[in-house]
Amino acid sequence: MLKPIIDHRYFLWGLLAIPSIPMIAALIAGTPGENGQPVTEALLHPTGEFSARFLIITMIITPLRMIFPNAAFWRWMMKRRRYFGMAAFFYALFHTLLYILDMGSLQAILGEFLALGIWTGWLAMLIFIPLAVTSTDRAVRKMGARWKTLQRTVYVAAFATLLHWIFVHNNFGPALVHFVPLAGLEAYRIFHNTRRRIGKKQEA
């Protein structure tokens, strides 16, 4: 009875949208932050954080599927990986729009653009855009092998996001708590694939 509901894409979209509901409500109401800062500034961190979290979830699905090949949950997640990637994009887009509103002018934006914590955020956003645009089944079929090549740029986006997080807040701790598990799982994925290729060469 519940399985068709859980498996429906709109159910997952609804779950992924839940964190944005209080953010949008606060933005509409103009609710200031805890320290009295403008709502646009107060929402910058949570929108960016959820974008990073969904990006990390998107990227850890494959290595966890390798570690637990018989787990039904990770098979379910693998089929829906692109939904998490799109969620990362939309939260990043929300984050970017809030940043533009908070800065208030192009001059102010350009004035701090060269700061490491800023241009890395723009770089990640620019990478997210083509990844999101080509996330459809039609794009996968049309692009063929080029689609996988494009998708690999997500690693650049992830590293840029890590630098953006660290240097905007001048705080390594929270960013590393999120990204160190990703690094460990990606290292396992590389090790697993390398060992498998070596095994195939030896068999040949």
N, C-alpha and C. Protein backbone atom coordinates (compact mmCIF):
# COMPACT_ATOMS: atom_id res chain seq x y z
N MET A 1 0.82 -1.20 0.00
CA MET A 1 0.00 0.00 0.00
C MET A 1 0.87 1.26 0.00
N LEU A 2 1.90 1.29 0.87
CA LEU A 2 2.76 2.47 0.96
C LEU A 2 3.81 2.51 -0.15
N LYS A 3 4.17 1.34 -0.68
CA LYS A 3 5.26 1.28 -1.65
C LYS A 3 5.02 2.16 -2.88
N PRO A 4 3.82 2.12 -3.51
CA PRO A 4 3.61 3.00 -4.67
C PRO A 4 3.77 4.48 -4.34
N ILE A 5 3.38 4.85 -3.10
CA ILE A 5 3.52 6.25 -2.69
C ILE A 5 4.99 6.61 -2.51
N ILE A 6 5.74 5.74 -1.79
CA ILE A 6 7.15 5.99 -1.53
C ILE A 6 7.95 6.01 -2.83
N ASP A 7 7.57 5.14 -3.77
CA ASP A 7 8.31 5.05 -5.03
C ASP A 7 7.96 6.17 -6.00
N HIS A 8 6.90 6.91 -5.74
CA HIS A 8 6.48 7.96 -6.67
C HIS A 8 7.45 9.14 -6.58
N ARG A 9 7.80 9.70 -7.72
CA ARG A 9 8.79 10.78 -7.73
C ARG A 9 8.31 12.03 -6.99
N TYR A 10 6.99 12.27 -6.99
CA TYR A 10 6.49 13.46 -6.31
C TYR A 10 6.64 13.34 -4.79
N PHE A 11 6.59 12.12 -4.28
CA PHE A 11 6.80 11.90 -2.85
C PHE A 11 8.23 12.30 -2.48
N LEU A 12 9.19 11.88 -3.30
CA LEU A 12 10.58 12.21 -3.03
C LEU A 12 10.82 13.71 -3.20
N TRP A 13 10.23 14.30 -4.23
CA TRP A 13 10.36 15.74 -4.42
C TRP A 13 9.81 16.49 -3.20
N GLY A 14 8.71 16.00 -2.66
CA GLY A 14 8.13 16.62 -1.48
C GLY A 14 9.06 16.56 -0.28
N LEU A 15 9.71 15.40 -0.08
CA LEU A 15 10.65 15.25 1.02
C LEU A 15 11.85 16.20 0.86
N LEU A 16 12.35 16.28 -0.36
CA LEU A 16 13.51 17.12 -0.62
C LEU A 16 13.19 18.61 -0.46
N ALA A 17 11.91 18.95 -0.66
CA ALA A 17 11.51 20.36 -0.56
C ALA A 17 11.24 20.80 0.88
N ILE A 18 11.06 19.85 1.79
CA ILE A 18 10.68 20.20 3.17
C ILE A 18 11.61 21.24 3.81
N PRO A 19 12.94 21.10 3.71
CA PRO A 19 13.80 22.11 4.36
C PRO A 19 13.59 23.53 3.83
N SER A 20 13.11 23.64 2.59
CA SER A 20 12.95 24.97 2.00
C SER A 20 11.69 25.68 2.49
N ILE A 21 10.73 24.93 3.03
CA ILE A 21 9.44 25.54 3.42
C ILE A 21 9.60 26.63 4.47
N PRO A 22 10.28 26.37 5.61
CA PRO A 22 10.45 27.46 6.58
C PRO A 22 11.33 28.58 6.04
N MET A 23 12.25 28.27 5.14
CA MET A 23 13.11 29.30 4.56
C MET A 23 12.27 30.26 3.69
N ILE A 24 11.42 29.68 2.85
CA ILE A 24 10.58 30.50 1.99
C ILE A 24 9.60 31.32 2.82
N ALA A 25 9.05 30.68 3.87
CA ALA A 25 8.11 31.39 4.75
C ALA A 25 8.80 32.58 5.43
N ALA A 26 10.04 32.38 5.89
CA ALA A 26 10.79 33.46 6.54
C ALA A 26 11.10 34.57 5.55
N LEU A 27 11.42 34.18 4.30
CA LEU A 27 11.73 35.18 3.28
C LEU A 27 10.50 36.01 2.94
N ILE A 28 9.35 35.36 2.79
CA ILE A 28 8.11 36.07 2.48
C ILE A 28 7.72 37.01 3.63
N ALA A 29 7.88 36.52 4.85
CA ALA A 29 7.50 37.33 6.03
C ALA A 29 8.55 38.39 6.36
N GLY A 30 9.73 38.25 5.79
CA GLY A 30 10.81 39.20 6.10
C GLY A 30 11.35 39.05 7.50
N THR A 31 11.27 37.82 8.04
CA THR A 31 11.71 37.57 9.41
C THR A 31 13.22 37.72 9.54
N PRO A 32 13.71 38.61 10.38
CA PRO A 32 15.17 38.78 10.53
C PRO A 32 15.80 37.57 11.20
N GLY A 33 17.12 37.46 11.10
CA GLY A 33 17.84 36.37 11.72
C GLY A 33 17.93 36.51 13.21
N GLU A 34 18.52 35.52 13.88
CA GLU A 34 18.63 35.51 15.33
C GLU A 34 19.40 36.73 15.85
N ASN A 35 20.38 37.18 15.08
CA ASN A 35 21.18 38.32 15.50
C ASN A 35 20.69 39.64 14.89
N GLY A 36 19.48 39.60 14.34
CA GLY A 36 18.89 40.79 13.76
C GLY A 36 19.32 41.11 12.36
N GLN A 37 20.08 40.20 11.71
CA GLN A 37 20.52 40.47 10.35
C GLN A 37 19.35 40.31 9.38
N PRO A 38 19.43 40.92 8.19
CA PRO A 38 18.35 40.79 7.20
C PRO A 38 18.07 39.33 6.87
N VAL A 39 16.84 39.03 6.52
CA VAL A 39 16.45 37.64 6.26
C VAL A 39 17.26 37.04 5.12
N THR A 40 17.61 37.84 4.11
CA THR A 40 18.40 37.31 3.00
C THR A 40 19.77 36.83 3.48
N GLU A 41 20.36 37.58 4.39
CA GLU A 41 21.66 37.17 4.95
C GLU A 41 21.50 35.96 5.86
N ALA A 42 20.44 35.95 6.66
CA ALA A 42 20.22 34.86 7.60
C ALA A 42 20.00 33.52 6.89
N LEU A 43 19.43 33.56 5.68
CA LEU A 43 19.13 32.33 4.95
C LEU A 43 20.27 31.84 4.09
N LEU A 44 21.33 32.63 3.97
CA LEU A 44 22.45 32.21 3.12
C LEU A 44 23.08 30.90 3.59
N HIS A 45 23.34 30.81 4.89
CA HIS A 45 24.00 29.60 5.39
C HIS A 45 23.12 28.35 5.25
N PRO A 46 21.86 28.36 5.69
CA PRO A 46 21.07 27.13 5.57
C PRO A 46 20.84 26.68 4.14
N THR A 47 20.63 27.62 3.21
CA THR A 47 20.42 27.20 1.82
C THR A 47 21.70 26.61 1.24
N GLY A 48 22.84 27.22 1.54
CA GLY A 48 24.10 26.68 1.06
C GLY A 48 24.42 25.33 1.70
N GLU A 49 24.10 25.20 2.97
CA GLU A 49 24.38 23.95 3.67
C GLU A 49 23.55 22.79 3.11
N PHE A 50 22.28 23.05 2.84
CA PHE A 50 21.45 21.97 2.29
C PHE A 50 21.85 21.63 0.87
N SER A 51 22.30 22.62 0.10
CA SER A 51 22.82 22.31 -1.23
C SER A 51 24.02 21.38 -1.13
N ALA A 52 24.94 21.69 -0.22
CA ALA A 52 26.12 20.84 -0.02
C ALA A 52 25.73 19.45 0.45
N ARG A 53 24.77 19.38 1.36
CA ARG A 53 24.35 18.07 1.87
C ARG A 53 23.75 17.20 0.77
N PHE A 54 22.90 17.79 -0.05
CA PHE A 54 22.29 16.99 -1.13
C PHE A 54 23.33 16.62 -2.19
N LEU A 55 24.31 17.49 -2.40
CA LEU A 55 25.41 17.16 -3.32
C LEU A 55 26.18 15.96 -2.78
N ILE A 56 26.48 15.97 -1.50
CA ILE A 56 27.22 14.87 -0.88
C ILE A 56 26.42 13.58 -0.96
N ILE A 57 25.13 13.65 -0.66
CA ILE A 57 24.28 12.46 -0.75
C ILE A 57 24.32 11.90 -2.16
N THR A 58 24.21 12.78 -3.15
CA THR A 58 24.25 12.35 -4.55
C THR A 58 25.53 11.58 -4.86
N MET A 59 26.64 12.06 -4.32
CA MET A 59 27.94 11.48 -4.65
C MET A 59 28.28 10.22 -3.86
N ILE A 60 27.69 10.06 -2.67
CA ILE A 60 28.03 8.87 -1.87
C ILE A 60 27.18 7.66 -2.22
N ILE A 61 26.14 7.86 -3.01
CA ILE A 61 25.25 6.74 -3.33
C ILE A 61 26.00 5.63 -4.06
N THR A 62 26.81 5.98 -5.06
CA THR A 62 27.53 4.95 -5.83
C THR A 62 28.49 4.14 -4.97
N PRO A 63 29.39 4.78 -4.20
CA PRO A 63 30.29 3.95 -3.37
C PRO A 63 29.56 3.12 -2.32
N LEU A 64 28.48 3.65 -1.75
CA LEU A 64 27.73 2.85 -0.78
C LEU A 64 27.01 1.70 -1.45
N ARG A 65 26.60 1.89 -2.67
CA ARG A 65 26.00 0.79 -3.45
C ARG A 65 27.04 -0.31 -3.70
N MET A 66 28.30 0.10 -3.87
CA MET A 66 29.38 -0.88 -4.05
C MET A 66 29.64 -1.65 -2.76
N ILE A 67 29.61 -0.93 -1.65
CA ILE A 67 29.88 -1.57 -0.35
C ILE A 67 28.75 -2.50 0.05
N PHE A 68 27.51 -2.09 -0.25
CA PHE A 68 26.33 -2.90 0.11
C PHE A 68 25.55 -3.27 -1.15
N PRO A 69 26.10 -4.16 -1.98
CA PRO A 69 25.48 -4.47 -3.28
C PRO A 69 24.10 -5.13 -3.17
N ASN A 70 23.81 -5.76 -2.06
CA ASN A 70 22.54 -6.46 -1.92
C ASN A 70 21.50 -5.68 -1.13
N ALA A 71 21.85 -4.47 -0.71
CA ALA A 71 20.94 -3.67 0.09
C ALA A 71 19.88 -3.01 -0.79
N ALA A 72 18.62 -3.30 -0.50
CA ALA A 72 17.52 -2.76 -1.30
C ALA A 72 17.46 -1.23 -1.22
N PHE A 73 17.81 -0.68 -0.05
CA PHE A 73 17.75 0.77 0.12
C PHE A 73 18.67 1.48 -0.85
N TRP A 74 19.92 0.99 -0.98
CA TRP A 74 20.87 1.67 -1.86
C TRP A 74 20.55 1.44 -3.33
N ARG A 75 19.90 0.32 -3.65
CA ARG A 75 19.40 0.15 -5.03
C ARG A 75 18.31 1.18 -5.31
N TRP A 76 17.44 1.40 -4.32
CA TRP A 76 16.36 2.39 -4.46
C TRP A 76 16.96 3.79 -4.63
N MET A 77 17.97 4.09 -3.82
CA MET A 77 18.62 5.40 -3.90
C MET A 77 19.34 5.58 -5.24
N MET A 78 19.96 4.54 -5.74
CA MET A 78 20.70 4.62 -7.00
C MET A 78 19.77 5.04 -8.15
N LYS A 79 18.56 4.51 -8.15
CA LYS A 79 17.61 4.84 -9.20
C LYS A 79 17.13 6.28 -9.11
N ARG A 80 17.28 6.88 -7.95
CA ARG A 80 16.76 8.24 -7.72
C ARG A 80 17.88 9.25 -7.46
N ARG A 81 19.08 8.88 -7.83
CA ARG A 81 20.24 9.73 -7.55
C ARG A 81 20.11 11.12 -8.18
N ARG A 82 19.56 11.16 -9.38
CA ARG A 82 19.45 12.45 -10.08
C ARG A 82 18.51 13.42 -9.36
N TYR A 83 17.54 12.89 -8.62
CA TYR A 83 16.64 13.77 -7.87
C TYR A 83 17.42 14.54 -6.79
N PHE A 84 18.34 13.84 -6.14
CA PHE A 84 19.15 14.49 -5.11
C PHE A 84 20.09 15.52 -5.74
N GLY A 85 20.60 15.20 -6.92
CA GLY A 85 21.44 16.15 -7.63
C GLY A 85 20.68 17.41 -8.00
N MET A 86 19.44 17.25 -8.44
CA MET A 86 18.62 18.41 -8.78
C MET A 86 18.28 19.22 -7.53
N ALA A 87 18.07 18.53 -6.41
CA ALA A 87 17.81 19.24 -5.15
C ALA A 87 19.02 20.09 -4.77
N ALA A 88 20.22 19.53 -4.94
CA ALA A 88 21.44 20.29 -4.66
C ALA A 88 21.50 21.54 -5.53
N PHE A 89 21.12 21.40 -6.80
CA PHE A 89 21.13 22.54 -7.72
C PHE A 89 20.13 23.61 -7.28
N PHE A 90 18.90 23.21 -6.97
CA PHE A 90 17.87 24.20 -6.63
C PHE A 90 18.19 24.94 -5.32
N TYR A 91 18.74 24.23 -4.34
CA TYR A 91 19.15 24.91 -3.11
C TYR A 91 20.33 25.85 -3.37
N ALA A 92 21.24 25.44 -4.27
CA ALA A 92 22.35 26.31 -4.65
C ALA A 92 21.83 27.55 -5.38
N LEU A 93 20.82 27.35 -6.23
CA LEU A 93 20.22 28.48 -6.94
C LEU A 93 19.55 29.44 -5.96
N PHE A 94 18.82 28.89 -5.00
CA PHE A 94 18.18 29.68 -3.95
C PHE A 94 19.25 30.47 -3.19
N HIS A 95 20.34 29.80 -2.85
CA HIS A 95 21.46 30.41 -2.13
C HIS A 95 22.04 31.57 -2.93
N THR A 96 22.22 31.35 -4.22
CA THR A 96 22.80 32.39 -5.09
C THR A 96 21.88 33.60 -5.20
N LEU A 97 20.59 33.35 -5.38
CA LEU A 97 19.63 34.46 -5.49
C LEU A 97 19.59 35.27 -4.20
N LEU A 98 19.65 34.59 -3.06
CA LEU A 98 19.67 35.30 -1.78
C LEU A 98 20.93 36.15 -1.65
N TYR A 99 22.05 35.61 -2.12
CA TYR A 99 23.32 36.36 -2.06
C TYR A 99 23.22 37.63 -2.91
N ILE A 100 22.65 37.51 -4.11
CA ILE A 100 22.50 38.67 -4.98
C ILE A 100 21.60 39.72 -4.33
N LEU A 101 20.49 39.27 -3.75
CA LEU A 101 19.57 40.19 -3.08
C LEU A 101 20.24 40.86 -1.88
N ASP A 102 21.01 40.07 -1.14
CA ASP A 102 21.65 40.60 0.06
C ASP A 102 22.73 41.62 -0.29
N MET A 103 23.47 41.38 -1.36
CA MET A 103 24.52 42.31 -1.77
C MET A 103 23.92 43.61 -2.32
N GLY A 104 22.83 43.49 -3.04
CA GLY A 104 22.09 44.68 -3.45
C GLY A 104 22.51 45.36 -4.73
N SER A 105 23.74 45.12 -5.19
CA SER A 105 24.18 45.76 -6.43
C SER A 105 25.29 44.96 -7.09
N LEU A 106 25.43 45.14 -8.39
CA LEU A 106 26.50 44.47 -9.14
C LEU A 106 27.87 44.93 -8.66
N GLN A 107 27.98 46.21 -8.34
CA GLN A 107 29.25 46.75 -7.86
C GLN A 107 29.70 46.06 -6.58
N ALA A 108 28.77 45.84 -5.67
CA ALA A 108 29.10 45.17 -4.41
C ALA A 108 29.52 43.73 -4.65
N ILE A 109 28.83 43.06 -5.58
CA ILE A 109 29.17 41.67 -5.91
C ILE A 109 30.56 41.58 -6.51
N LEU A 110 30.85 42.45 -7.47
CA LEU A 110 32.16 42.44 -8.13
C LEU A 110 33.27 42.84 -7.16
N GLY A 111 32.92 43.66 -6.19
CA GLY A 111 33.91 44.13 -5.23
C GLY A 111 34.54 43.03 -4.40
N GLU A 112 33.83 41.93 -4.17
CA GLU A 112 34.39 40.83 -3.38
C GLU A 112 34.52 39.54 -4.19
N PHE A 113 34.34 39.65 -5.50
CA PHE A 113 34.33 38.45 -6.36
C PHE A 113 35.62 37.66 -6.28
N LEU A 114 36.77 38.34 -6.20
CA LEU A 114 38.05 37.65 -6.24
C LEU A 114 38.43 36.98 -4.92
N ALA A 115 37.65 37.18 -3.87
CA ALA A 115 37.91 36.49 -2.60
C ALA A 115 37.73 34.99 -2.80
N LEU A 116 38.63 34.20 -2.23
CA LEU A 116 38.61 32.75 -2.44
C LEU A 116 37.27 32.13 -2.07
N GLY A 117 36.70 32.61 -0.98
CA GLY A 117 35.43 32.05 -0.53
C GLY A 117 34.26 32.43 -1.41
N ILE A 118 34.44 33.42 -2.29
CA ILE A 118 33.35 33.87 -3.15
C ILE A 118 33.43 33.27 -4.54
N TRP A 119 34.57 33.40 -5.21
CA TRP A 119 34.62 32.88 -6.59
C TRP A 119 34.49 31.37 -6.65
N THR A 120 34.88 30.68 -5.58
CA THR A 120 34.68 29.22 -5.57
C THR A 120 33.19 28.87 -5.53
N GLY A 121 32.41 29.71 -4.84
CA GLY A 121 30.96 29.49 -4.83
C GLY A 121 30.35 29.71 -6.21
N TRP A 122 30.80 30.76 -6.90
CA TRP A 122 30.33 31.00 -8.27
C TRP A 122 30.74 29.87 -9.20
N LEU A 123 31.97 29.37 -9.02
CA LEU A 123 32.45 28.27 -9.85
C LEU A 123 31.57 27.03 -9.68
N ALA A 124 31.26 26.70 -8.43
CA ALA A 124 30.39 25.54 -8.17
C ALA A 124 29.03 25.74 -8.83
N MET A 125 28.48 26.95 -8.73
CA MET A 125 27.16 27.23 -9.32
C MET A 125 27.20 27.09 -10.83
N LEU A 126 28.26 27.58 -11.46
CA LEU A 126 28.38 27.49 -12.92
C LEU A 126 28.49 26.04 -13.38
N ILE A 127 29.10 25.19 -12.56
CA ILE A 127 29.18 23.77 -12.90
C ILE A 127 27.83 23.09 -12.70
N PHE A 128 27.12 23.48 -11.66
CA PHE A 128 25.81 22.89 -11.39
C PHE A 128 24.83 23.09 -12.55
N ILE A 129 24.92 24.24 -13.23
CA ILE A 129 23.93 24.57 -14.26
C ILE A 129 23.91 23.54 -15.39
N PRO A 130 25.04 23.26 -16.07
CA PRO A 130 24.98 22.24 -17.14
C PRO A 130 24.66 20.84 -16.61
N LEU A 131 25.07 20.54 -15.38
CA LEU A 131 24.73 19.24 -14.81
C LEU A 131 23.22 19.11 -14.63
N ALA A 132 22.58 20.19 -14.20
CA ALA A 132 21.13 20.17 -14.00
C ALA A 132 20.39 20.12 -15.34
N VAL A 133 20.87 20.90 -16.30
CA VAL A 133 20.21 20.96 -17.62
C VAL A 133 20.26 19.60 -18.32
N THR A 134 21.34 18.86 -18.12
CA THR A 134 21.51 17.56 -18.79
C THR A 134 21.13 16.38 -17.90
N SER A 135 20.30 16.61 -16.91
CA SER A 135 19.93 15.54 -15.97
C SER A 135 18.77 14.68 -16.46
N THR A 136 18.21 14.98 -17.61
CA THR A 136 17.06 14.23 -18.12
C THR A 136 17.50 12.98 -18.87
N ASP A 137 16.59 12.01 -18.98
CA ASP A 137 16.89 10.79 -19.74
C ASP A 137 17.19 11.11 -21.20
N ARG A 138 16.51 12.11 -21.75
CA ARG A 138 16.73 12.51 -23.14
C ARG A 138 18.15 13.01 -23.34
N ALA A 139 18.64 13.80 -22.39
CA ALA A 139 20.01 14.32 -22.49
C ALA A 139 21.02 13.18 -22.40
N VAL A 140 20.75 12.21 -21.53
CA VAL A 140 21.65 11.07 -21.38
C VAL A 140 21.76 10.32 -22.71
N ARG A 141 20.61 10.07 -23.36
CA ARG A 141 20.61 9.35 -24.64
C ARG A 141 21.30 10.15 -25.74
N LYS A 142 21.03 11.44 -25.79
CA LYS A 142 21.56 12.28 -26.86
C LYS A 142 23.07 12.50 -26.73
N MET A 143 23.56 12.67 -25.50
CA MET A 143 24.97 12.97 -25.29
C MET A 143 25.86 11.73 -25.31
N GLY A 144 25.29 10.58 -24.98
CA GLY A 144 26.08 9.36 -24.98
C GLY A 144 27.22 9.41 -23.98
N ALA A 145 28.43 9.06 -24.44
CA ALA A 145 29.60 9.01 -23.56
C ALA A 145 29.96 10.40 -23.03
N ARG A 146 29.61 11.45 -23.76
CA ARG A 146 29.92 12.81 -23.32
C ARG A 146 29.19 13.16 -22.03
N TRP A 147 28.05 12.50 -21.80
CA TRP A 147 27.28 12.79 -20.58
C TRP A 147 28.08 12.42 -19.34
N LYS A 148 28.72 11.25 -19.37
CA LYS A 148 29.52 10.83 -18.21
C LYS A 148 30.72 11.75 -18.00
N THR A 149 31.32 12.20 -19.11
CA THR A 149 32.44 13.13 -19.00
C THR A 149 32.01 14.42 -18.32
N LEU A 150 30.84 14.93 -18.72
CA LEU A 150 30.31 16.14 -18.10
C LEU A 150 30.00 15.91 -16.63
N GLN A 151 29.44 14.75 -16.31
CA GLN A 151 29.06 14.47 -14.93
C GLN A 151 30.27 14.44 -14.00
N ARG A 152 31.44 14.12 -14.54
CA ARG A 152 32.63 14.05 -13.70
C ARG A 152 33.05 15.43 -13.18
N THR A 153 32.54 16.49 -13.81
CA THR A 153 32.86 17.83 -13.31
C THR A 153 32.24 18.08 -11.93
N VAL A 154 31.37 17.17 -11.49
CA VAL A 154 30.78 17.32 -10.16
C VAL A 154 31.86 17.28 -9.07
N TYR A 155 32.99 16.61 -9.36
CA TYR A 155 34.07 16.55 -8.38
C TYR A 155 34.71 17.93 -8.21
N VAL A 156 34.82 18.67 -9.31
CA VAL A 156 35.33 20.04 -9.23
C VAL A 156 34.35 20.90 -8.43
N ALA A 157 33.05 20.71 -8.71
CA ALA A 157 32.02 21.47 -7.99
C ALA A 157 32.06 21.15 -6.49
N ALA A 158 32.26 19.89 -6.15
CA ALA A 158 32.32 19.50 -4.74
C ALA A 158 33.51 20.14 -4.04
N PHE A 159 34.67 20.13 -4.69
CA PHE A 159 35.86 20.74 -4.09
C PHE A 159 35.69 22.25 -3.96
N ALA A 160 35.10 22.87 -4.98
CA ALA A 160 34.84 24.31 -4.93
C ALA A 160 33.85 24.64 -3.81
N THR A 161 32.85 23.78 -3.62
CA THR A 161 31.87 23.98 -2.54
C THR A 161 32.54 23.88 -1.18
N LEU A 162 33.45 22.92 -1.03
CA LEU A 162 34.19 22.78 0.23
C LEU A 162 35.00 24.04 0.54
N LEU A 163 35.72 24.55 -0.46
CA LEU A 163 36.52 25.77 -0.26
C LEU A 163 35.62 26.97 0.04
N HIS A 164 34.51 27.05 -0.67
CA HIS A 164 33.55 28.13 -0.45
C HIS A 164 33.06 28.12 0.99
N TRP A 165 32.68 26.96 1.47
CA TRP A 165 32.16 26.81 2.83
C TRP A 165 33.23 27.20 3.86
N ILE A 166 34.45 26.69 3.67
CA ILE A 166 35.51 26.93 4.64
C ILE A 166 35.87 28.42 4.71
N PHE A 167 36.07 29.03 3.55
CA PHE A 167 36.63 30.38 3.55
C PHE A 167 35.59 31.48 3.70
N VAL A 168 34.32 31.18 3.45
CA VAL A 168 33.28 32.16 3.75
C VAL A 168 33.09 32.29 5.25
N HIS A 169 33.16 31.14 5.94
CA HIS A 169 32.91 31.13 7.39
C HIS A 169 34.20 31.10 8.21
N ASN A 170 35.36 30.95 7.52
CA ASN A 170 36.64 30.85 8.23
C ASN A 170 36.58 29.79 9.33
N ASN A 171 35.99 28.66 8.99
CA ASN A 171 35.79 27.59 9.97
C ASN A 171 35.87 26.25 9.26
N PHE A 172 36.91 25.48 9.54
CA PHE A 172 37.11 24.19 8.88
C PHE A 172 36.17 23.11 9.40
N GLY A 173 35.84 23.16 10.69
CA GLY A 173 35.13 22.06 11.35
C GLY A 173 33.87 21.59 10.66
N PRO A 174 32.82 22.42 10.54
CA PRO A 174 31.55 21.96 9.96
C PRO A 174 31.70 21.45 8.53
N ALA A 175 32.53 22.13 7.73
CA ALA A 175 32.71 21.71 6.34
C ALA A 175 33.37 20.33 6.28
N LEU A 176 34.39 20.12 7.10
CA LEU A 176 35.09 18.84 7.08
C LEU A 176 34.21 17.71 7.60
N VAL A 177 33.37 17.99 8.58
CA VAL A 177 32.44 16.97 9.08
C VAL A 177 31.57 16.43 7.94
N HIS A 178 31.19 17.31 7.03
CA HIS A 178 30.36 16.90 5.90
C HIS A 178 31.18 16.24 4.80
N PHE A 179 32.36 16.77 4.50
CA PHE A 179 33.08 16.33 3.30
C PHE A 179 34.09 15.21 3.53
N VAL A 180 34.57 15.03 4.75
CA VAL A 180 35.52 13.94 5.00
C VAL A 180 34.90 12.57 4.71
N PRO A 181 33.65 12.28 5.15
CA PRO A 181 33.05 10.99 4.78
C PRO A 181 32.94 10.81 3.26
N LEU A 182 32.63 11.89 2.55
CA LEU A 182 32.57 11.82 1.09
C LEU A 182 33.94 11.45 0.52
N ALA A 183 34.99 12.10 1.02
CA ALA A 183 36.34 11.81 0.54
C ALA A 183 36.71 10.35 0.79
N GLY A 184 36.36 9.84 1.97
CA GLY A 184 36.66 8.46 2.28
C GLY A 184 35.94 7.48 1.37
N LEU A 185 34.67 7.74 1.11
CA LEU A 185 33.89 6.85 0.25
C LEU A 185 34.35 6.94 -1.20
N GLU A 186 34.74 8.13 -1.65
CA GLU A 186 35.25 8.27 -3.02
C GLU A 186 36.59 7.56 -3.16
N ALA A 187 37.41 7.60 -2.11
CA ALA A 187 38.69 6.88 -2.15
C ALA A 187 38.44 5.38 -2.27
N TYR A 188 37.41 4.90 -1.53
CA TYR A 188 37.06 3.48 -1.65
C TYR A 188 36.59 3.14 -3.06
N ARG A 189 35.78 4.02 -3.66
CA ARG A 189 35.27 3.77 -5.01
C ARG A 189 36.41 3.67 -6.01
N ILE A 190 37.39 4.57 -5.90
CA ILE A 190 38.54 4.55 -6.80
C ILE A 190 39.34 3.27 -6.60
N PHE A 191 39.56 2.89 -5.33
CA PHE A 191 40.29 1.65 -5.02
C PHE A 191 39.56 0.45 -5.59
N HIS A 192 38.25 0.40 -5.41
CA HIS A 192 37.44 -0.72 -5.89
C HIS A 192 37.52 -0.85 -7.40
N ASN A 193 37.35 0.27 -8.10
CA ASN A 193 37.37 0.24 -9.57
C ASN A 193 38.75 -0.11 -10.11
N THR A 194 39.79 0.41 -9.44
CA THR A 194 41.16 0.11 -9.87
C THR A 194 41.47 -1.37 -9.70
N ARG A 195 41.08 -1.93 -8.57
CA ARG A 195 41.31 -3.35 -8.31
C ARG A 195 40.55 -4.22 -9.31
N ARG A 196 39.34 -3.80 -9.67
CA ARG A 196 38.55 -4.57 -10.63
C ARG A 196 39.19 -4.53 -12.03
N ARG A 197 39.72 -3.35 -12.43
CA ARG A 197 40.37 -3.26 -13.74
C ARG A 197 41.64 -4.11 -13.79
N ILE A 198 42.40 -4.09 -12.68
CA ILE A 198 43.61 -4.92 -12.62
C ILE A 198 43.25 -6.39 -12.72
N GLY A 199 42.17 -6.79 -12.03
CA GLY A 199 41.71 -8.19 -12.07
C GLY A 199 41.33 -8.62 -13.46
N LYS A 200 40.65 -7.75 -14.21
CA LYS A 200 40.23 -8.06 -15.56
C LYS A 200 41.46 -8.22 -16.50
N LYS A 201 42.46 -7.36 -16.29
CA LYS A 201 43.68 -7.45 -17.13
C LYS A 201 44.41 -8.75 -16.86
N GLN A 202 44.45 -9.15 -15.57
CA GLN A 202 45.14 -10.39 -15.23
C GLN A 202 44.43 -11.61 -15.81
N GLU A 203 43.09 -11.57 -15.82
CA GLU A 203 42.29 -12.66 -16.37
C GLU A 203 42.48 -12.76 -17.89
N ALA A 204 42.68 -11.59 -18.52
CA ALA A 204 42.87 -11.57 -19.98
C ALA A 204 44.25 -12.11 -20.35
